[in-house]
Amino acid sequence: MAGTFTKIYYHIVFSTKGREQLISPQIEDELYKYITGIISSEEGFVYAIGGTSDHLHILCSFSCKKSISEMLQRIKGHSSKWMNSKQGNGKLFKWQSGYGLFTVSHSQIDQVKKYVANQHIHHKTMSFKDELRILLNKHEVEFDEKYIWQ
């Protein structure tokens, strides 16, 4: 084949370090635009981004030129620096060290977009911990409760 053709949709989930509530409603949209810019500058595309004060979800695709871990390192590293330049409360902004990453079938894109867009509503009745457990179980990802919340 003369070219490389890929289209893999990723549902990425990660939280602030210690699940501290550091993403205020005032900065949320700006943060999402900043992260969208990071992904776009690396030849990726964001289909949806949303979250709450302590975590976020991104539905996106990446170029195959960089590994997933490289992309997550760029997203989290650059957005942390950006958040720290914007924070005026003296608290250091950090993301947790890990992340959840799940592939999404093309037929499920609209459903996942709605899920990501409705995070504020969704989390009125469910904690982030419960949500992550459900996602991990749904995708049959093995995990140990002792290590998942560090």
N, C-alpha and C. Protein backbone atom coordinates (compact mmCIF):
# COMPACT_ATOMS: atom_id res chain seq x y z
N MET A 1 0.86 -1.17 0.00
CA MET A 1 0.00 0.00 0.00
C MET A 1 0.91 1.24 0.00
N ALA A 2 0.58 2.21 -0.77
CA ALA A 2 1.44 3.38 -0.95
C ALA A 2 1.35 4.38 0.19
N GLY A 3 0.32 4.33 1.00
CA GLY A 3 0.17 5.30 2.09
C GLY A 3 -0.23 4.61 3.37
N THR A 4 -0.31 5.42 4.42
CA THR A 4 -0.78 4.93 5.71
C THR A 4 -2.12 5.60 5.99
N PHE A 5 -3.13 4.81 6.23
CA PHE A 5 -4.47 5.33 6.44
C PHE A 5 -5.00 4.81 7.77
N THR A 6 -5.29 5.72 8.67
CA THR A 6 -5.80 5.32 9.98
C THR A 6 -6.93 6.25 10.40
N LYS A 7 -7.81 5.73 11.23
CA LYS A 7 -8.83 6.53 11.89
C LYS A 7 -9.21 5.76 13.13
N ILE A 8 -8.58 6.13 14.23
CA ILE A 8 -8.86 5.49 15.51
C ILE A 8 -9.39 6.57 16.44
N TYR A 9 -10.57 6.33 16.98
CA TYR A 9 -11.18 7.27 17.90
C TYR A 9 -10.83 6.86 19.33
N TYR A 10 -10.37 7.82 20.11
CA TYR A 10 -10.00 7.57 21.50
C TYR A 10 -10.91 8.35 22.45
N HIS A 11 -11.34 7.69 23.49
CA HIS A 11 -12.03 8.34 24.61
C HIS A 11 -11.01 8.35 25.74
N ILE A 12 -10.52 9.53 26.08
CA ILE A 12 -9.47 9.68 27.09
C ILE A 12 -10.08 10.31 28.33
N VAL A 13 -9.69 9.79 29.49
CA VAL A 13 -10.18 10.31 30.76
C VAL A 13 -8.99 10.46 31.70
N PHE A 14 -8.86 11.64 32.31
CA PHE A 14 -7.87 11.80 33.37
C PHE A 14 -8.31 12.90 34.31
N SER A 15 -7.76 12.86 35.52
CA SER A 15 -8.20 13.80 36.54
C SER A 15 -7.04 14.66 37.03
N THR A 16 -7.41 15.67 37.77
CA THR A 16 -6.41 16.49 38.44
C THR A 16 -5.74 15.63 39.51
N LYS A 17 -4.53 15.97 39.86
CA LYS A 17 -3.82 15.21 40.89
C LYS A 17 -4.62 15.27 42.19
N GLY A 18 -4.85 14.11 42.78
CA GLY A 18 -5.62 14.03 44.01
C GLY A 18 -7.09 14.40 43.82
N ARG A 19 -7.52 14.48 42.57
CA ARG A 19 -8.89 14.88 42.22
C ARG A 19 -9.29 16.20 42.87
N GLU A 20 -8.28 17.09 42.98
CA GLU A 20 -8.57 18.43 43.50
C GLU A 20 -9.44 19.17 42.51
N GLN A 21 -10.37 19.93 43.03
CA GLN A 21 -11.31 20.68 42.17
C GLN A 21 -10.68 22.00 41.76
N LEU A 22 -9.84 21.94 40.73
CA LEU A 22 -9.07 23.10 40.29
C LEU A 22 -9.50 23.68 38.95
N ILE A 23 -10.44 23.03 38.29
CA ILE A 23 -10.91 23.53 37.00
C ILE A 23 -12.21 24.30 37.24
N SER A 24 -12.09 25.59 37.35
CA SER A 24 -13.26 26.43 37.66
C SER A 24 -14.10 26.64 36.41
N PRO A 25 -15.38 26.91 36.58
CA PRO A 25 -16.23 27.21 35.41
C PRO A 25 -15.71 28.39 34.60
N GLN A 26 -15.02 29.32 35.25
CA GLN A 26 -14.50 30.49 34.56
C GLN A 26 -13.38 30.14 33.58
N ILE A 27 -12.64 29.08 33.85
CA ILE A 27 -11.47 28.74 33.01
C ILE A 27 -11.73 27.52 32.13
N GLU A 28 -12.79 26.79 32.43
CA GLU A 28 -13.08 25.52 31.78
C GLU A 28 -13.08 25.62 30.24
N ASP A 29 -13.85 26.50 29.66
CA ASP A 29 -13.93 26.60 28.20
C ASP A 29 -12.58 26.97 27.59
N GLU A 30 -11.88 27.86 28.24
CA GLU A 30 -10.56 28.27 27.76
C GLU A 30 -9.57 27.09 27.79
N LEU A 31 -9.63 26.30 28.87
CA LEU A 31 -8.78 25.11 28.99
C LEU A 31 -9.10 24.13 27.86
N TYR A 32 -10.36 23.90 27.60
CA TYR A 32 -10.76 22.97 26.56
C TYR A 32 -10.28 23.45 25.19
N LYS A 33 -10.37 24.74 24.93
CA LYS A 33 -9.88 25.29 23.66
C LYS A 33 -8.36 25.14 23.57
N TYR A 34 -7.68 25.33 24.69
CA TYR A 34 -6.23 25.19 24.71
C TYR A 34 -5.83 23.74 24.39
N ILE A 35 -6.49 22.79 25.03
CA ILE A 35 -6.19 21.37 24.79
C ILE A 35 -6.54 20.99 23.35
N THR A 36 -7.64 21.50 22.83
CA THR A 36 -8.00 21.26 21.44
C THR A 36 -6.89 21.78 20.52
N GLY A 37 -6.31 22.94 20.85
CA GLY A 37 -5.21 23.50 20.07
C GLY A 37 -3.98 22.62 20.11
N ILE A 38 -3.68 22.05 21.27
CA ILE A 38 -2.53 21.14 21.40
C ILE A 38 -2.71 19.94 20.46
N ILE A 39 -3.88 19.34 20.52
CA ILE A 39 -4.15 18.15 19.71
C ILE A 39 -4.14 18.51 18.22
N SER A 40 -4.76 19.63 17.87
CA SER A 40 -4.79 20.07 16.47
C SER A 40 -3.39 20.34 15.93
N SER A 41 -2.54 20.94 16.76
CA SER A 41 -1.18 21.25 16.31
C SER A 41 -0.35 20.00 16.07
N GLU A 42 -0.80 18.87 16.59
CA GLU A 42 -0.12 17.59 16.39
C GLU A 42 -0.86 16.72 15.36
N GLU A 43 -1.64 17.38 14.50
CA GLU A 43 -2.39 16.71 13.43
C GLU A 43 -3.48 15.77 13.94
N GLY A 44 -4.03 16.10 15.11
CA GLY A 44 -5.14 15.33 15.65
C GLY A 44 -6.42 16.12 15.51
N PHE A 45 -7.52 15.54 15.96
CA PHE A 45 -8.81 16.21 15.89
C PHE A 45 -9.61 15.89 17.14
N VAL A 46 -10.22 16.91 17.72
CA VAL A 46 -11.08 16.75 18.90
C VAL A 46 -12.53 16.77 18.45
N TYR A 47 -13.26 15.72 18.78
CA TYR A 47 -14.68 15.62 18.45
C TYR A 47 -15.52 16.14 19.61
N ALA A 48 -15.02 15.97 20.83
CA ALA A 48 -15.73 16.46 22.01
C ALA A 48 -14.74 16.53 23.16
N ILE A 49 -14.96 17.52 24.02
CA ILE A 49 -14.15 17.64 25.24
C ILE A 49 -15.06 18.20 26.31
N GLY A 50 -14.98 17.63 27.49
CA GLY A 50 -15.83 18.08 28.59
C GLY A 50 -15.37 17.45 29.89
N GLY A 51 -15.90 17.95 30.97
CA GLY A 51 -15.51 17.41 32.26
C GLY A 51 -16.14 18.18 33.39
N THR A 52 -15.50 18.10 34.52
CA THR A 52 -15.96 18.80 35.72
C THR A 52 -14.75 19.47 36.35
N SER A 53 -14.90 19.90 37.58
CA SER A 53 -13.83 20.63 38.25
C SER A 53 -12.61 19.77 38.57
N ASP A 54 -12.74 18.43 38.49
CA ASP A 54 -11.61 17.57 38.86
C ASP A 54 -11.17 16.56 37.80
N HIS A 55 -11.82 16.55 36.64
CA HIS A 55 -11.40 15.63 35.59
C HIS A 55 -11.96 16.05 34.25
N LEU A 56 -11.40 15.42 33.19
CA LEU A 56 -11.97 15.69 31.88
C LEU A 56 -11.96 14.47 31.00
N HIS A 57 -12.78 14.57 29.95
CA HIS A 57 -12.92 13.54 28.94
C HIS A 57 -12.61 14.19 27.60
N ILE A 58 -11.90 13.47 26.75
CA ILE A 58 -11.62 13.95 25.40
C ILE A 58 -11.96 12.82 24.43
N LEU A 59 -12.78 13.12 23.44
CA LEU A 59 -13.02 12.20 22.34
C LEU A 59 -12.25 12.76 21.16
N CYS A 60 -11.24 12.02 20.69
CA CYS A 60 -10.37 12.58 19.66
C CYS A 60 -9.76 11.48 18.81
N SER A 61 -9.05 11.90 17.78
CA SER A 61 -8.20 11.00 17.01
C SER A 61 -6.86 11.69 16.87
N PHE A 62 -5.81 10.89 16.72
CA PHE A 62 -4.44 11.40 16.61
C PHE A 62 -3.83 10.94 15.29
N SER A 63 -2.84 11.68 14.86
CA SER A 63 -2.00 11.23 13.76
C SER A 63 -1.22 10.01 14.24
N CYS A 64 -0.89 9.12 13.34
CA CYS A 64 -0.10 7.94 13.73
C CYS A 64 1.39 8.25 13.82
N LYS A 65 1.77 9.51 13.63
CA LYS A 65 3.18 9.90 13.67
C LYS A 65 3.74 9.93 15.09
N LYS A 66 2.87 10.08 16.09
CA LYS A 66 3.31 10.10 17.49
C LYS A 66 2.56 9.02 18.26
N SER A 67 3.22 8.48 19.25
CA SER A 67 2.58 7.45 20.06
C SER A 67 1.52 8.07 20.97
N ILE A 68 0.66 7.23 21.46
CA ILE A 68 -0.38 7.69 22.39
C ILE A 68 0.26 8.30 23.63
N SER A 69 1.29 7.65 24.17
CA SER A 69 1.92 8.18 25.39
C SER A 69 2.58 9.54 25.13
N GLU A 70 3.17 9.72 23.94
CA GLU A 70 3.73 11.04 23.60
C GLU A 70 2.63 12.10 23.56
N MET A 71 1.51 11.75 22.95
CA MET A 71 0.41 12.71 22.84
C MET A 71 -0.15 13.07 24.22
N LEU A 72 -0.32 12.07 25.08
CA LEU A 72 -0.84 12.36 26.41
C LEU A 72 0.15 13.19 27.21
N GLN A 73 1.43 12.93 27.05
CA GLN A 73 2.45 13.72 27.73
C GLN A 73 2.39 15.18 27.28
N ARG A 74 2.21 15.40 25.98
CA ARG A 74 2.11 16.76 25.47
C ARG A 74 0.85 17.46 25.97
N ILE A 75 -0.27 16.76 25.89
CA ILE A 75 -1.55 17.33 26.32
C ILE A 75 -1.48 17.72 27.79
N LYS A 76 -1.08 16.78 28.62
CA LYS A 76 -1.07 17.03 30.06
C LYS A 76 0.02 18.02 30.46
N GLY A 77 1.20 17.89 29.88
CA GLY A 77 2.31 18.79 30.23
C GLY A 77 2.04 20.23 29.83
N HIS A 78 1.65 20.44 28.58
CA HIS A 78 1.40 21.80 28.10
C HIS A 78 0.19 22.43 28.80
N SER A 79 -0.86 21.65 29.01
CA SER A 79 -2.05 22.23 29.65
C SER A 79 -1.80 22.52 31.13
N SER A 80 -0.97 21.72 31.80
CA SER A 80 -0.61 22.02 33.19
C SER A 80 0.14 23.34 33.29
N LYS A 81 1.12 23.52 32.40
CA LYS A 81 1.87 24.79 32.39
C LYS A 81 0.95 25.96 32.12
N TRP A 82 0.05 25.78 31.17
CA TRP A 82 -0.90 26.84 30.83
C TRP A 82 -1.81 27.16 32.03
N MET A 83 -2.34 26.11 32.66
CA MET A 83 -3.21 26.33 33.83
C MET A 83 -2.45 27.06 34.94
N ASN A 84 -1.20 26.69 35.17
CA ASN A 84 -0.42 27.36 36.21
C ASN A 84 -0.16 28.82 35.86
N SER A 85 -0.10 29.15 34.59
CA SER A 85 0.08 30.55 34.20
C SER A 85 -1.21 31.34 34.39
N LYS A 86 -2.34 30.66 34.43
CA LYS A 86 -3.65 31.30 34.57
C LYS A 86 -4.16 31.33 36.01
N GLN A 87 -3.70 30.38 36.82
CA GLN A 87 -4.21 30.27 38.20
C GLN A 87 -3.72 31.44 39.04
N GLY A 88 -4.64 32.05 39.72
CA GLY A 88 -4.28 33.15 40.59
C GLY A 88 -4.48 32.82 42.06
N ASN A 89 -4.77 31.55 42.34
CA ASN A 89 -5.08 31.18 43.73
C ASN A 89 -3.89 30.60 44.48
N GLY A 90 -2.72 30.56 43.87
CA GLY A 90 -1.53 30.06 44.54
C GLY A 90 -1.41 28.55 44.58
N LYS A 91 -2.41 27.82 44.09
CA LYS A 91 -2.34 26.36 44.08
C LYS A 91 -1.66 25.90 42.80
N LEU A 92 -0.78 24.94 42.94
CA LEU A 92 -0.09 24.37 41.79
C LEU A 92 -1.03 23.39 41.09
N PHE A 93 -1.22 23.57 39.80
CA PHE A 93 -2.09 22.69 39.02
C PHE A 93 -1.27 21.53 38.47
N LYS A 94 -1.77 20.33 38.70
CA LYS A 94 -1.15 19.12 38.14
C LYS A 94 -2.24 18.13 37.76
N TRP A 95 -1.98 17.39 36.71
CA TRP A 95 -2.83 16.26 36.36
C TRP A 95 -2.31 15.02 37.07
N GLN A 96 -3.17 14.04 37.29
CA GLN A 96 -2.72 12.75 37.81
C GLN A 96 -1.73 12.14 36.83
N SER A 97 -0.93 11.21 37.29
CA SER A 97 0.11 10.65 36.41
C SER A 97 -0.46 9.74 35.33
N GLY A 98 -1.54 9.06 35.58
CA GLY A 98 -2.07 8.11 34.61
C GLY A 98 -3.26 8.65 33.84
N TYR A 99 -3.89 7.76 33.10
CA TYR A 99 -5.08 8.12 32.33
C TYR A 99 -5.81 6.86 31.93
N GLY A 100 -7.06 7.01 31.57
CA GLY A 100 -7.82 5.93 30.95
C GLY A 100 -7.96 6.26 29.48
N LEU A 101 -7.76 5.28 28.63
CA LEU A 101 -7.88 5.49 27.20
C LEU A 101 -8.61 4.29 26.60
N PHE A 102 -9.69 4.60 25.90
CA PHE A 102 -10.54 3.55 25.35
C PHE A 102 -10.79 3.85 23.88
N THR A 103 -10.78 2.84 23.04
CA THR A 103 -11.12 3.06 21.64
C THR A 103 -12.64 3.05 21.50
N VAL A 104 -13.09 3.79 20.49
CA VAL A 104 -14.52 3.95 20.26
C VAL A 104 -14.81 3.57 18.81
N SER A 105 -15.82 2.77 18.62
CA SER A 105 -16.26 2.40 17.27
C SER A 105 -16.87 3.62 16.59
N HIS A 106 -16.68 3.73 15.28
CA HIS A 106 -17.25 4.84 14.52
C HIS A 106 -18.76 4.95 14.76
N SER A 107 -19.43 3.82 14.89
CA SER A 107 -20.89 3.82 15.09
C SER A 107 -21.30 4.38 16.44
N GLN A 108 -20.35 4.51 17.38
CA GLN A 108 -20.65 5.01 18.72
C GLN A 108 -20.23 6.46 18.96
N ILE A 109 -19.69 7.11 17.93
CA ILE A 109 -19.16 8.47 18.08
C ILE A 109 -20.21 9.43 18.63
N ASP A 110 -21.40 9.45 18.06
CA ASP A 110 -22.44 10.39 18.53
C ASP A 110 -22.82 10.14 19.98
N GLN A 111 -22.91 8.88 20.36
CA GLN A 111 -23.25 8.53 21.74
C GLN A 111 -22.16 9.01 22.71
N VAL A 112 -20.90 8.81 22.37
CA VAL A 112 -19.80 9.24 23.24
C VAL A 112 -19.70 10.76 23.27
N LYS A 113 -19.96 11.43 22.15
CA LYS A 113 -19.98 12.90 22.13
C LYS A 113 -20.99 13.44 23.14
N LYS A 114 -22.18 12.86 23.15
CA LYS A 114 -23.23 13.28 24.09
C LYS A 114 -22.79 13.01 25.53
N TYR A 115 -22.20 11.86 25.75
CA TYR A 115 -21.72 11.51 27.09
C TYR A 115 -20.70 12.52 27.58
N VAL A 116 -19.74 12.87 26.74
CA VAL A 116 -18.69 13.83 27.10
C VAL A 116 -19.30 15.22 27.33
N ALA A 117 -20.23 15.62 26.48
CA ALA A 117 -20.85 16.94 26.60
C ALA A 117 -21.69 17.09 27.86
N ASN A 118 -22.20 15.98 28.37
CA ASN A 118 -23.11 16.03 29.53
C ASN A 118 -22.44 15.69 30.85
N GLN A 119 -21.16 15.91 30.97
CA GLN A 119 -20.43 15.56 32.19
C GLN A 119 -20.98 16.26 33.43
N HIS A 120 -21.32 17.54 33.33
CA HIS A 120 -21.82 18.26 34.51
C HIS A 120 -23.14 17.66 35.00
N ILE A 121 -23.98 17.27 34.09
CA ILE A 121 -25.26 16.65 34.46
C ILE A 121 -25.01 15.25 35.01
N HIS A 122 -24.19 14.50 34.33
CA HIS A 122 -23.86 13.12 34.71
C HIS A 122 -23.31 13.06 36.14
N HIS A 123 -22.46 14.03 36.49
CA HIS A 123 -21.80 13.97 37.79
C HIS A 123 -22.61 14.57 38.94
N LYS A 124 -23.83 14.91 38.68
CA LYS A 124 -24.73 15.28 39.77
C LYS A 124 -25.16 14.03 40.54
N THR A 125 -25.08 12.88 39.85
CA THR A 125 -25.53 11.64 40.47
C THR A 125 -24.46 10.56 40.57
N MET A 126 -23.27 10.81 40.02
CA MET A 126 -22.23 9.79 40.04
C MET A 126 -20.86 10.43 40.28
N SER A 127 -20.08 9.80 41.13
CA SER A 127 -18.73 10.30 41.39
C SER A 127 -17.79 9.91 40.25
N PHE A 128 -16.67 10.63 40.16
CA PHE A 128 -15.65 10.29 39.17
C PHE A 128 -15.14 8.88 39.39
N LYS A 129 -14.94 8.49 40.64
CA LYS A 129 -14.44 7.14 40.92
C LYS A 129 -15.39 6.07 40.39
N ASP A 130 -16.69 6.26 40.64
CA ASP A 130 -17.67 5.29 40.15
C ASP A 130 -17.70 5.27 38.62
N GLU A 131 -17.62 6.46 38.02
CA GLU A 131 -17.62 6.55 36.57
C GLU A 131 -16.42 5.81 35.97
N LEU A 132 -15.24 6.01 36.53
CA LEU A 132 -14.04 5.35 36.01
C LEU A 132 -14.13 3.84 36.18
N ARG A 133 -14.63 3.40 37.32
CA ARG A 133 -14.80 1.95 37.53
C ARG A 133 -15.72 1.37 36.44
N ILE A 134 -16.81 2.06 36.16
CA ILE A 134 -17.76 1.59 35.14
C ILE A 134 -17.09 1.52 33.77
N LEU A 135 -16.35 2.57 33.41
CA LEU A 135 -15.65 2.57 32.12
C LEU A 135 -14.64 1.43 32.03
N LEU A 136 -13.86 1.25 33.09
CA LEU A 136 -12.86 0.18 33.08
C LEU A 136 -13.53 -1.19 32.96
N ASN A 137 -14.60 -1.40 33.70
CA ASN A 137 -15.31 -2.68 33.62
C ASN A 137 -15.97 -2.88 32.26
N LYS A 138 -16.58 -1.83 31.73
CA LYS A 138 -17.24 -1.91 30.42
C LYS A 138 -16.26 -2.31 29.32
N HIS A 139 -15.03 -1.81 29.43
CA HIS A 139 -14.01 -2.11 28.43
C HIS A 139 -13.12 -3.29 28.82
N GLU A 140 -13.52 -3.98 29.91
CA GLU A 140 -12.82 -5.17 30.39
C GLU A 140 -11.34 -4.90 30.66
N VAL A 141 -11.07 -3.77 31.30
CA VAL A 141 -9.71 -3.41 31.70
C VAL A 141 -9.52 -3.87 33.14
N GLU A 142 -8.52 -4.69 33.38
CA GLU A 142 -8.24 -5.14 34.74
C GLU A 142 -7.58 -4.03 35.52
N PHE A 143 -7.94 -3.89 36.78
CA PHE A 143 -7.33 -2.86 37.63
C PHE A 143 -7.39 -3.30 39.08
N ASP A 144 -6.53 -2.70 39.88
CA ASP A 144 -6.47 -2.97 41.31
C ASP A 144 -6.80 -1.67 42.03
N GLU A 145 -7.83 -1.69 42.83
CA GLU A 145 -8.26 -0.50 43.57
C GLU A 145 -7.13 0.13 44.39
N LYS A 146 -6.17 -0.68 44.82
CA LYS A 146 -5.07 -0.15 45.64
C LYS A 146 -4.24 0.87 44.88
N TYR A 147 -4.16 0.73 43.56
CA TYR A 147 -3.26 1.56 42.77
C TYR A 147 -3.94 2.59 41.87
N ILE A 148 -5.21 2.44 41.66
CA ILE A 148 -5.90 3.26 40.67
C ILE A 148 -6.08 4.72 41.11
N TRP A 149 -6.13 4.99 42.37
CA TRP A 149 -6.45 6.35 42.84
C TRP A 149 -5.24 7.15 43.29
N GLN A 150 -4.04 6.68 43.02
CA GLN A 150 -2.84 7.38 43.44
C GLN A 150 -2.64 8.66 42.69
